[in-house]
Amino acid sequence: MKRPKVSVCIPTYLGDQTLGAAIESVLAQSYTDFELMVIDDGSPDDTRAVVERFSDPRMVYLCNEKNLGPEGNWNRCLEVATGDYFKLLPHDDVLHPHCLERQVAVLDADAEVRISLVFSAREVLGPDARLLMRRGYPGGREGPIDRDVLIRACVRRGTNLIGEPGAVLLRKSTAAKVGLFDATNPYVIDLDYWFRLLNHGNAHFCAEPLAAFRVSAGSWSVAIGASQSVDFRNFVQRMALLGIAPPSAFDRFCGNLMAVLNNISRTVFYRIYLK
């Protein structure tokens, strides 16, 4: 079979309640040259039954022989993906119908390979799929963003402005240079990877929301959210040691303060919307 242009990989564990919506959102894409791989981390629920409801030939189901945990399963997705481009889609999240079409067009047009990742604005959904808010890059301007500017903005604001995995498309060839996902600082495992990708090029922002991120009481991001400010501070220090656009002392000060404030606001948000 011809190698697909895009690999969309859904790492899942105990995700049978939302997995079907994630799968449907991929199969409904206006861009069709993709493989969809569902990587089950040994779920003792109805995950397999959910997958078996679909018969699309582009879809593959794999079940790990032993539970690898979130970091291990994300890396399993990198391992099995065969496409030129790669998107990780957690089982809680969904893609909007033109997500792949818009993001693939950006990378296809980048003949000189100056862009290491494409990201988009995204929507935040509650457990019942109700729209809670929209998030995007400050200023909301469509187009390329210099990597140093983007990294500094993330550091200063103490948060992941690039977004959750479903909002990002990257080249598999760049991922091969970057290596594996690293959950040394679990809360920012995705931002850690985005920063390492940005060590190889700039970014492109799509101002239209192209993905949606669901928050629920059982979300991994909620479970580890209480330690986000400490994780963010340690992460920035680690990136500086790696020489990835090391921020100034002022940037780090601002980022550490904002990370604490973000932690407080996120906790309040969860208490209000995830009762």
C-alpha atoms as a PDB file:
ATOM      1  CA  MET A   1       0.000   0.000   0.000  1.00  0.00           C
ATOM      2  CA  LYS A   2       1.087   3.576  -0.707  1.00  0.00           C
ATOM      3  CA  ARG A   3       2.497   5.351   2.305  1.00  0.00           C
ATOM      4  CA  PRO A   4      -0.037   7.903   3.602  1.00  0.00           C
ATOM      5  CA  LYS A   5       0.792  11.580   3.716  1.00  0.00           C
ATOM      6  CA  VAL A   6      -0.400  11.952   7.314  1.00  0.00           C
ATOM      7  CA  SER A   7      -0.445   9.680  10.333  1.00  0.00           C
ATOM      8  CA  VAL A   8      -3.072  10.576  12.921  1.00  0.00           C
ATOM      9  CA  CYS A   9      -2.427   8.543  16.055  1.00  0.00           C
ATOM     10  CA  ILE A  10      -4.863   8.282  18.949  1.00  0.00           C
ATOM     11  CA  PRO A  11      -3.187   7.040  22.152  1.00  0.00           C
ATOM     12  CA  THR A  12      -5.928   5.783  24.443  1.00  0.00           C
ATOM     13  CA  TYR A  13      -6.440   4.277  27.864  1.00  0.00           C
ATOM     14  CA  LEU A  14      -9.871   4.006  29.504  1.00  0.00           C
ATOM     15  CA  GLY A  15     -11.209   6.241  26.780  1.00  0.00           C
ATOM     16  CA  ASP A  16     -14.268   4.358  25.575  1.00  0.00           C
ATOM     17  CA  GLN A  17     -16.637   7.236  26.439  1.00  0.00           C
ATOM     18  CA  THR A  18     -14.977   9.781  24.139  1.00  0.00           C
ATOM     19  CA  LEU A  19     -12.915   7.692  21.707  1.00  0.00           C
ATOM     20  CA  GLY A  20     -15.748   7.312  19.207  1.00  0.00           C
ATOM     21  CA  ALA A  21     -16.058  11.078  18.779  1.00  0.00           C
ATOM     22  CA  ALA A  22     -12.291  11.396  18.257  1.00  0.00           C
ATOM     23  CA  ILE A  23     -12.320   8.674  15.582  1.00  0.00           C
ATOM     24  CA  GLU A  24     -15.348  10.175  13.827  1.00  0.00           C
ATOM     25  CA  SER A  25     -13.671  13.594  13.700  1.00  0.00           C
ATOM     26  CA  VAL A  26     -10.669  12.120  11.880  1.00  0.00           C
ATOM     27  CA  LEU A  27     -12.702  10.056   9.428  1.00  0.00           C
ATOM     28  CA  ALA A  28     -14.757  13.172   8.592  1.00  0.00           C
ATOM     29  CA  GLN A  29     -11.713  15.167   7.444  1.00  0.00           C
ATOM     30  CA  SER A  30     -11.912  16.959   4.103  1.00  0.00           C
ATOM     31  CA  TYR A  31      -8.311  15.826   3.505  1.00  0.00           C
ATOM     32  CA  THR A  32      -8.319  12.087   2.968  1.00  0.00           C
ATOM     33  CA  ASP A  33      -4.706  10.915   2.478  1.00  0.00           C
ATOM     34  CA  PHE A  34      -4.112   9.713   6.025  1.00  0.00           C
ATOM     35  CA  GLU A  35      -3.843   6.651   8.215  1.00  0.00           C
ATOM     36  CA  LEU A  36      -5.627   6.580  11.558  1.00  0.00           C
ATOM     37  CA  MET A  37      -3.938   4.482  14.214  1.00  0.00           C
ATOM     38  CA  VAL A  38      -5.621   3.821  17.550  1.00  0.00           C
ATOM     39  CA  ILE A  39      -3.018   2.684  20.085  1.00  0.00           C
ATOM     40  CA  ASP A  40      -4.727   1.104  23.093  1.00  0.00           C
ATOM     41  CA  ASP A  41      -2.603   0.944  26.254  1.00  0.00           C
ATOM     42  CA  GLY A  42      -4.335  -2.200  27.484  1.00  0.00           C
ATOM     43  CA  SER A  43      -7.668  -0.619  28.452  1.00  0.00           C
ATOM     44  CA  PRO A  44      -9.928  -2.871  30.586  1.00  0.00           C
ATOM     45  CA  ASP A  45     -13.029  -1.148  29.189  1.00  0.00           C
ATOM     46  CA  ASP A  46     -14.953  -1.204  25.898  1.00  0.00           C
ATOM     47  CA  THR A  47     -12.245   0.460  23.810  1.00  0.00           C
ATOM     48  CA  ARG A  48     -11.951  -2.451  21.377  1.00  0.00           C
ATOM     49  CA  ALA A  49     -15.736  -2.549  20.900  1.00  0.00           C
ATOM     50  CA  VAL A  50     -15.756   1.181  20.120  1.00  0.00           C
ATOM     51  CA  VAL A  51     -13.071   0.718  17.479  1.00  0.00           C
ATOM     52  CA  GLU A  52     -14.890  -2.254  15.935  1.00  0.00           C
ATOM     53  CA  ARG A  53     -17.874  -0.016  15.153  1.00  0.00           C
ATOM     54  CA  PHE A  54     -15.765   1.527  12.365  1.00  0.00           C
ATOM     55  CA  SER A  55     -14.715  -0.233   9.175  1.00  0.00           C
ATOM     56  CA  ASP A  56     -12.682   2.427   7.354  1.00  0.00           C
ATOM     57  CA  PRO A  57      -9.670   0.791   5.622  1.00  0.00           C
ATOM     58  CA  ARG A  58      -7.418   3.686   6.675  1.00  0.00           C
ATOM     59  CA  MET A  59      -7.877   2.737  10.301  1.00  0.00           C
ATOM     60  CA  VAL A  60      -5.608   0.431  12.307  1.00  0.00           C
ATOM     61  CA  TYR A  61      -6.091  -0.757  15.902  1.00  0.00           C
ATOM     62  CA  LEU A  62      -3.110  -1.814  18.002  1.00  0.00           C
ATOM     63  CA  CYS A  63      -3.162  -2.924  21.644  1.00  0.00           C
ATOM     64  CA  ASN A  64       0.034  -2.811  23.705  1.00  0.00           C
ATOM     65  CA  GLU A  65       1.027  -6.080  25.330  1.00  0.00           C
ATOM     66  CA  LYS A  66       1.610  -4.228  28.605  1.00  0.00           C
ATOM     67  CA  ASN A  67       0.588  -0.824  29.894  1.00  0.00           C
ATOM     68  CA  LEU A  68       3.199   1.767  28.901  1.00  0.00           C
ATOM     69  CA  GLY A  69       1.687   4.824  30.574  1.00  0.00           C
ATOM     70  CA  PRO A  70       1.005   8.117  28.754  1.00  0.00           C
ATOM     71  CA  GLU A  71       4.626   8.872  27.865  1.00  0.00           C
ATOM     72  CA  GLY A  72       5.298   5.351  26.624  1.00  0.00           C
ATOM     73  CA  ASN A  73       2.106   5.222  24.585  1.00  0.00           C
ATOM     74  CA  TRP A  74       2.774   8.594  22.952  1.00  0.00           C
ATOM     75  CA  ASN A  75       6.177   7.292  21.929  1.00  0.00           C
ATOM     76  CA  ARG A  76       4.582   4.092  20.655  1.00  0.00           C
ATOM     77  CA  CYS A  77       2.531   6.317  18.353  1.00  0.00           C
ATOM     78  CA  LEU A  78       5.716   7.892  16.988  1.00  0.00           C
ATOM     79  CA  GLU A  79       7.167   4.430  16.475  1.00  0.00           C
ATOM     80  CA  VAL A  80       4.310   2.974  14.428  1.00  0.00           C
ATOM     81  CA  ALA A  81       3.358   6.052  12.369  1.00  0.00           C
ATOM     82  CA  THR A  82       4.338   5.717   8.698  1.00  0.00           C
ATOM     83  CA  GLY A  83       3.161   9.030   7.203  1.00  0.00           C
ATOM     84  CA  ASP A  84       5.262  12.005   6.154  1.00  0.00           C
ATOM     85  CA  TYR A  85       3.391  14.169   8.645  1.00  0.00           C
ATOM     86  CA  PHE A  86       2.357  13.267  12.185  1.00  0.00           C
ATOM     87  CA  LYS A  87      -0.478  14.330  14.469  1.00  0.00           C
ATOM     88  CA  LEU A  88      -1.124  13.003  17.962  1.00  0.00           C
ATOM     89  CA  LEU A  89      -4.782  13.156  18.988  1.00  0.00           C
ATOM     90  CA  PRO A  90      -5.614  12.192  22.600  1.00  0.00           C
ATOM     91  CA  HIS A  91      -8.856  10.246  22.876  1.00  0.00           C
ATOM     92  CA  ASP A  92     -10.607  13.146  24.670  1.00  0.00           C
ATOM     93  CA  ASP A  93     -10.120  15.529  21.751  1.00  0.00           C
ATOM     94  CA  VAL A  94     -11.506  16.092  18.251  1.00  0.00           C
ATOM     95  CA  LEU A  95     -10.443  17.668  14.970  1.00  0.00           C
ATOM     96  CA  HIS A  96     -12.568  20.121  13.019  1.00  0.00           C
ATOM     97  CA  PRO A  97     -13.338  18.961   9.456  1.00  0.00           C
ATOM     98  CA  HIS A  98     -10.714  21.087   7.650  1.00  0.00           C
ATOM     99  CA  CYS A  99      -7.898  20.635  10.182  1.00  0.00           C
ATOM    100  CA  LEU A 100      -5.687  18.335   8.132  1.00  0.00           C
ATOM    101  CA  GLU A 101      -6.421  20.150   4.879  1.00  0.00           C
ATOM    102  CA  ARG A 102      -5.348  23.510   6.308  1.00  0.00           C
ATOM    103  CA  GLN A 103      -2.259  22.273   8.131  1.00  0.00           C
ATOM    104  CA  VAL A 104      -1.004  19.934   5.401  1.00  0.00           C
ATOM    105  CA  ALA A 105      -1.208  22.816   2.909  1.00  0.00           C
ATOM    106  CA  VAL A 106       1.152  24.874   5.083  1.00  0.00           C
ATOM    107  CA  LEU A 107       3.801  22.153   5.290  1.00  0.00           C
ATOM    108  CA  ASP A 108       3.439  21.232   1.604  1.00  0.00           C
ATOM    109  CA  ALA A 109       4.058  24.870   0.643  1.00  0.00           C
ATOM    110  CA  ASP A 110       7.192  25.027   2.814  1.00  0.00           C
ATOM    111  CA  ALA A 111       9.611  23.737   0.164  1.00  0.00           C
ATOM    112  CA  GLU A 112      12.676  24.978   2.070  1.00  0.00           C
ATOM    113  CA  VAL A 113      11.552  23.190   5.259  1.00  0.00           C
ATOM    114  CA  ARG A 114      11.770  26.280   7.426  1.00  0.00           C
ATOM    115  CA  ILE A 115       8.675  25.366   9.459  1.00  0.00           C
ATOM    116  CA  SER A 116       8.993  22.662  12.100  1.00  0.00           C
ATOM    117  CA  LEU A 117       5.372  22.679  13.270  1.00  0.00           C
ATOM    118  CA  VAL A 118       1.947  24.058  12.373  1.00  0.00           C
ATOM    119  CA  PHE A 119      -0.466  24.873  15.186  1.00  0.00           C
ATOM    120  CA  SER A 120      -3.922  26.359  15.401  1.00  0.00           C
ATOM    121  CA  ALA A 121      -6.370  28.048  17.687  1.00  0.00           C
ATOM    122  CA  ARG A 122      -8.499  25.500  19.498  1.00  0.00           C
ATOM    123  CA  GLU A 123     -11.688  25.182  21.494  1.00  0.00           C
ATOM    124  CA  VAL A 124     -11.966  23.951  25.079  1.00  0.00           C
ATOM    125  CA  LEU A 125     -14.918  21.643  25.681  1.00  0.00           C
ATOM    126  CA  GLY A 126     -16.503  20.446  28.899  1.00  0.00           C
ATOM    127  CA  PRO A 127     -17.215  16.776  29.663  1.00  0.00           C
ATOM    128  CA  ASP A 128     -20.539  17.068  27.814  1.00  0.00           C
ATOM    129  CA  ALA A 129     -18.828  18.580  24.721  1.00  0.00           C
ATOM    130  CA  ARG A 130     -20.188  22.047  25.563  1.00  0.00           C
ATOM    131  CA  LEU A 131     -17.958  24.886  24.356  1.00  0.00           C
ATOM    132  CA  LEU A 132     -16.292  26.565  27.349  1.00  0.00           C
ATOM    133  CA  MET A 133     -13.779  28.883  25.665  1.00  0.00           C
ATOM    134  CA  ARG A 134     -11.460  29.390  22.726  1.00  0.00           C
ATOM    135  CA  ARG A 135      -7.690  29.632  22.919  1.00  0.00           C
ATOM    136  CA  GLY A 136      -5.150  30.877  20.412  1.00  0.00           C
ATOM    137  CA  TYR A 137      -1.843  32.615  20.025  1.00  0.00           C
ATOM    138  CA  PRO A 138      -1.878  36.176  21.469  1.00  0.00           C
ATOM    139  CA  GLY A 139      -2.803  38.646  18.759  1.00  0.00           C
ATOM    140  CA  GLY A 140      -4.422  35.928  16.684  1.00  0.00           C
ATOM    141  CA  ARG A 141      -2.568  36.789  13.480  1.00  0.00           C
ATOM    142  CA  GLU A 142      -2.388  34.032  10.870  1.00  0.00           C
ATOM    143  CA  GLY A 143       1.049  33.148   9.512  1.00  0.00           C
ATOM    144  CA  PRO A 144       4.635  32.228  10.378  1.00  0.00           C
ATOM    145  CA  ILE A 145       6.116  32.935  13.801  1.00  0.00           C
ATOM    146  CA  ASP A 146       9.830  33.106  14.511  1.00  0.00           C
ATOM    147  CA  ARG A 147      10.842  30.300  16.851  1.00  0.00           C
ATOM    148  CA  ASP A 148      12.659  32.549  19.332  1.00  0.00           C
ATOM    149  CA  VAL A 149       9.661  34.869  19.552  1.00  0.00           C
ATOM    150  CA  LEU A 150       7.328  31.929  20.151  1.00  0.00           C
ATOM    151  CA  ILE A 151       9.524  30.302  22.783  1.00  0.00           C
ATOM    152  CA  ARG A 152       9.995  33.597  24.630  1.00  0.00           C
ATOM    153  CA  ALA A 153       6.235  34.244  24.585  1.00  0.00           C
ATOM    154  CA  CYS A 154       5.531  30.816  26.097  1.00  0.00           C
ATOM    155  CA  VAL A 155       8.160  31.329  28.792  1.00  0.00           C
ATOM    156  CA  ARG A 156       6.990  34.822  29.713  1.00  0.00           C
ATOM    157  CA  ARG A 157       3.348  33.790  29.945  1.00  0.00           C
ATOM    158  CA  GLY A 158       4.165  30.658  31.906  1.00  0.00           C
ATOM    159  CA  THR A 159       2.057  28.405  29.716  1.00  0.00           C
ATOM    160  CA  ASN A 160       1.769  26.421  26.495  1.00  0.00           C
ATOM    161  CA  LEU A 161       0.645  28.942  23.870  1.00  0.00           C
ATOM    162  CA  ILE A 162       1.181  26.402  21.083  1.00  0.00           C
ATOM    163  CA  GLY A 163      -1.500  24.126  22.407  1.00  0.00           C
ATOM    164  CA  GLU A 164      -2.478  20.544  22.958  1.00  0.00           C
ATOM    165  CA  PRO A 165      -1.280  17.789  20.578  1.00  0.00           C
ATOM    166  CA  GLY A 166      -4.427  17.730  18.465  1.00  0.00           C
ATOM    167  CA  ALA A 167      -3.790  21.327  17.395  1.00  0.00           C
ATOM    168  CA  VAL A 168      -0.285  20.556  16.069  1.00  0.00           C
ATOM    169  CA  LEU A 169       0.976  18.935  12.858  1.00  0.00           C
ATOM    170  CA  LEU A 170       4.666  18.146  12.371  1.00  0.00           C
ATOM    171  CA  ARG A 171       6.984  16.379   9.982  1.00  0.00           C
ATOM    172  CA  LYS A 172       7.953  12.823  10.865  1.00  0.00           C
ATOM    173  CA  SER A 173      11.463  13.579   9.571  1.00  0.00           C
ATOM    174  CA  THR A 174      11.828  16.365  12.141  1.00  0.00           C
ATOM    175  CA  ALA A 175      10.491  14.090  14.855  1.00  0.00           C
ATOM    176  CA  ALA A 176      13.246  11.627  13.964  1.00  0.00           C
ATOM    177  CA  LYS A 177      15.802  14.345  14.744  1.00  0.00           C
ATOM    178  CA  VAL A 178      14.091  15.390  17.972  1.00  0.00           C
ATOM    179  CA  GLY A 179      13.588  11.914  19.406  1.00  0.00           C
ATOM    180  CA  LEU A 180      10.995  10.722  21.907  1.00  0.00           C
ATOM    181  CA  PHE A 181       8.451  12.492  24.066  1.00  0.00           C
ATOM    182  CA  ASP A 182       9.916  13.179  27.514  1.00  0.00           C
ATOM    183  CA  ALA A 183       7.657  13.310  30.588  1.00  0.00           C
ATOM    184  CA  THR A 184      10.358  14.476  32.987  1.00  0.00           C
ATOM    185  CA  ASN A 185       7.964  17.363  33.627  1.00  0.00           C
ATOM    186  CA  PRO A 186       4.610  15.652  32.939  1.00  0.00           C
ATOM    187  CA  TYR A 187       2.414  18.735  32.769  1.00  0.00           C
ATOM    188  CA  VAL A 188       4.413  20.151  29.863  1.00  0.00           C
ATOM    189  CA  ILE A 189       5.245  16.944  28.001  1.00  0.00           C
ATOM    190  CA  ASP A 190       3.734  18.422  24.839  1.00  0.00           C
ATOM    191  CA  LEU A 191       5.389  21.851  25.207  1.00  0.00           C
ATOM    192  CA  ASP A 192       8.702  20.094  25.866  1.00  0.00           C
ATOM    193  CA  TYR A 193       8.365  18.423  22.465  1.00  0.00           C
ATOM    194  CA  TRP A 194       7.257  21.609  20.711  1.00  0.00           C
ATOM    195  CA  PHE A 195      10.320  23.474  22.032  1.00  0.00           C
ATOM    196  CA  ARG A 196      12.629  20.734  20.820  1.00  0.00           C
ATOM    197  CA  LEU A 197      10.942  20.818  17.404  1.00  0.00           C
ATOM    198  CA  LEU A 198      11.422  24.586  17.309  1.00  0.00           C
ATOM    199  CA  ASN A 199      15.135  23.994  17.659  1.00  0.00           C
ATOM    200  CA  HIS A 200      14.887  22.886  14.000  1.00  0.00           C
ATOM    201  CA  GLY A 201      12.732  25.639  12.532  1.00  0.00           C
ATOM    202  CA  ASN A 202       9.962  28.171  12.950  1.00  0.00           C
ATOM    203  CA  ALA A 203       6.217  27.727  13.454  1.00  0.00           C
ATOM    204  CA  HIS A 204       3.071  28.629  11.544  1.00  0.00           C
ATOM    205  CA  PHE A 205      -0.148  29.650  13.273  1.00  0.00           C
ATOM    206  CA  CYS A 206      -3.613  28.982  11.850  1.00  0.00           C
ATOM    207  CA  ALA A 207      -5.972  31.496  13.437  1.00  0.00           C
ATOM    208  CA  GLU A 208      -9.092  29.399  12.788  1.00  0.00           C
ATOM    209  CA  PRO A 209      -9.892  26.869  15.564  1.00  0.00           C
ATOM    210  CA  LEU A 210      -9.052  23.538  13.961  1.00  0.00           C
ATOM    211  CA  ALA A 211      -9.188  21.244  16.994  1.00  0.00           C
ATOM    212  CA  ALA A 212     -11.025  20.951  20.293  1.00  0.00           C
ATOM    213  CA  PHE A 213      -9.593  19.907  23.644  1.00  0.00           C
ATOM    214  CA  ARG A 214     -11.930  18.274  26.173  1.00  0.00           C
ATOM    215  CA  VAL A 215     -11.437  18.738  29.919  1.00  0.00           C
ATOM    216  CA  SER A 216     -13.014  16.393  32.420  1.00  0.00           C
ATOM    217  CA  ALA A 217     -12.365  15.297  35.973  1.00  0.00           C
ATOM    218  CA  GLY A 218     -10.540  12.225  34.636  1.00  0.00           C
ATOM    219  CA  SER A 219      -8.267  14.042  32.191  1.00  0.00           C
ATOM    220  CA  TRP A 220      -4.538  13.467  32.586  1.00  0.00           C
ATOM    221  CA  SER A 221      -3.967  17.225  32.376  1.00  0.00           C
ATOM    222  CA  VAL A 222      -6.396  17.768  35.253  1.00  0.00           C
ATOM    223  CA  ALA A 223      -4.835  15.021  37.359  1.00  0.00           C
ATOM    224  CA  ILE A 224      -1.356  16.544  37.126  1.00  0.00           C
ATOM    225  CA  GLY A 225      -2.482  20.171  37.009  1.00  0.00           C
ATOM    226  CA  ALA A 226      -1.833  20.863  40.681  1.00  0.00           C
ATOM    227  CA  SER A 227       1.919  20.743  40.068  1.00  0.00           C
ATOM    228  CA  GLN A 228       1.901  22.780  36.867  1.00  0.00           C
ATOM    229  CA  SER A 229       3.810  25.811  38.195  1.00  0.00           C
ATOM    230  CA  VAL A 230       6.641  23.665  39.584  1.00  0.00           C
ATOM    231  CA  ASP A 231       6.728  21.594  36.408  1.00  0.00           C
ATOM    232  CA  PHE A 232       6.883  24.721  34.259  1.00  0.00           C
ATOM    233  CA  ARG A 233       9.751  26.244  36.253  1.00  0.00           C
ATOM    234  CA  ASN A 234      11.790  23.040  36.104  1.00  0.00           C
ATOM    235  CA  PHE A 235      11.016  22.654  32.411  1.00  0.00           C
ATOM    236  CA  VAL A 236      12.292  26.152  31.549  1.00  0.00           C
ATOM    237  CA  GLN A 237      15.495  25.506  33.467  1.00  0.00           C
ATOM    238  CA  ARG A 238      15.985  22.242  31.608  1.00  0.00           C
ATOM    239  CA  MET A 239      15.413  23.863  28.209  1.00  0.00           C
ATOM    240  CA  ALA A 240      17.959  26.560  29.058  1.00  0.00           C
ATOM    241  CA  LEU A 241      20.531  23.889  29.881  1.00  0.00           C
ATOM    242  CA  LEU A 242      19.841  22.285  26.497  1.00  0.00           C
ATOM    243  CA  GLY A 243      20.523  25.626  24.817  1.00  0.00           C
ATOM    244  CA  ILE A 244      17.089  25.846  23.205  1.00  0.00           C
ATOM    245  CA  ALA A 245      16.673  29.643  22.913  1.00  0.00           C
ATOM    246  CA  PRO A 246      17.569  30.174  26.591  1.00  0.00           C
ATOM    247  CA  PRO A 247      15.359  32.939  28.012  1.00  0.00           C
ATOM    248  CA  SER A 248      16.692  35.874  29.998  1.00  0.00           C
ATOM    249  CA  ALA A 249      16.472  36.065  33.792  1.00  0.00           C
ATOM    250  CA  PHE A 250      13.606  38.547  33.370  1.00  0.00           C
ATOM    251  CA  ASP A 251      11.751  36.142  31.066  1.00  0.00           C
ATOM    252  CA  ARG A 252      12.141  33.356  33.610  1.00  0.00           C
ATOM    253  CA  PHE A 253      10.970  35.599  36.474  1.00  0.00           C
ATOM    254  CA  CYS A 254       7.856  36.598  34.546  1.00  0.00           C
ATOM    255  CA  GLY A 255       7.215  33.000  33.533  1.00  0.00           C
ATOM    256  CA  ASN A 256       7.527  31.630  37.059  1.00  0.00           C
ATOM    257  CA  LEU A 257       5.106  34.260  38.371  1.00  0.00           C
ATOM    258  CA  MET A 258       2.631  33.672  35.549  1.00  0.00           C
ATOM    259  CA  ALA A 259       2.824  29.898  36.014  1.00  0.00           C
ATOM    260  CA  VAL A 260       1.687  30.294  39.634  1.00  0.00           C
ATOM    261  CA  LEU A 261      -1.155  32.616  38.593  1.00  0.00           C
ATOM    262  CA  ASN A 262      -2.121  30.226  35.788  1.00  0.00           C
ATOM    263  CA  ASN A 263      -2.220  27.384  38.294  1.00  0.00           C
ATOM    264  CA  ILE A 264      -4.637  29.312  40.499  1.00  0.00           C
ATOM    265  CA  SER A 265      -6.894  30.331  37.616  1.00  0.00           C
ATOM    266  CA  ARG A 266      -6.925  26.811  36.204  1.00  0.00           C
ATOM    267  CA  THR A 267      -7.862  25.354  39.587  1.00  0.00           C
ATOM    268  CA  VAL A 268     -10.756  27.810  39.856  1.00  0.00           C
ATOM    269  CA  PHE A 269     -11.803  26.975  36.296  1.00  0.00           C
ATOM    270  CA  TYR A 270     -11.861  23.243  37.010  1.00  0.00           C
ATOM    271  CA  ARG A 271     -13.878  23.725  40.202  1.00  0.00           C
ATOM    272  CA  ILE A 272     -16.492  25.756  38.370  1.00  0.00           C
ATOM    273  CA  TYR A 273     -16.857  23.676  35.210  1.00  0.00           C
ATOM    274  CA  LEU A 274     -15.950  20.174  36.355  1.00  0.00           C
ATOM    275  CA  LYS A 275     -18.206  19.815  39.374  1.00  0.00           C
END
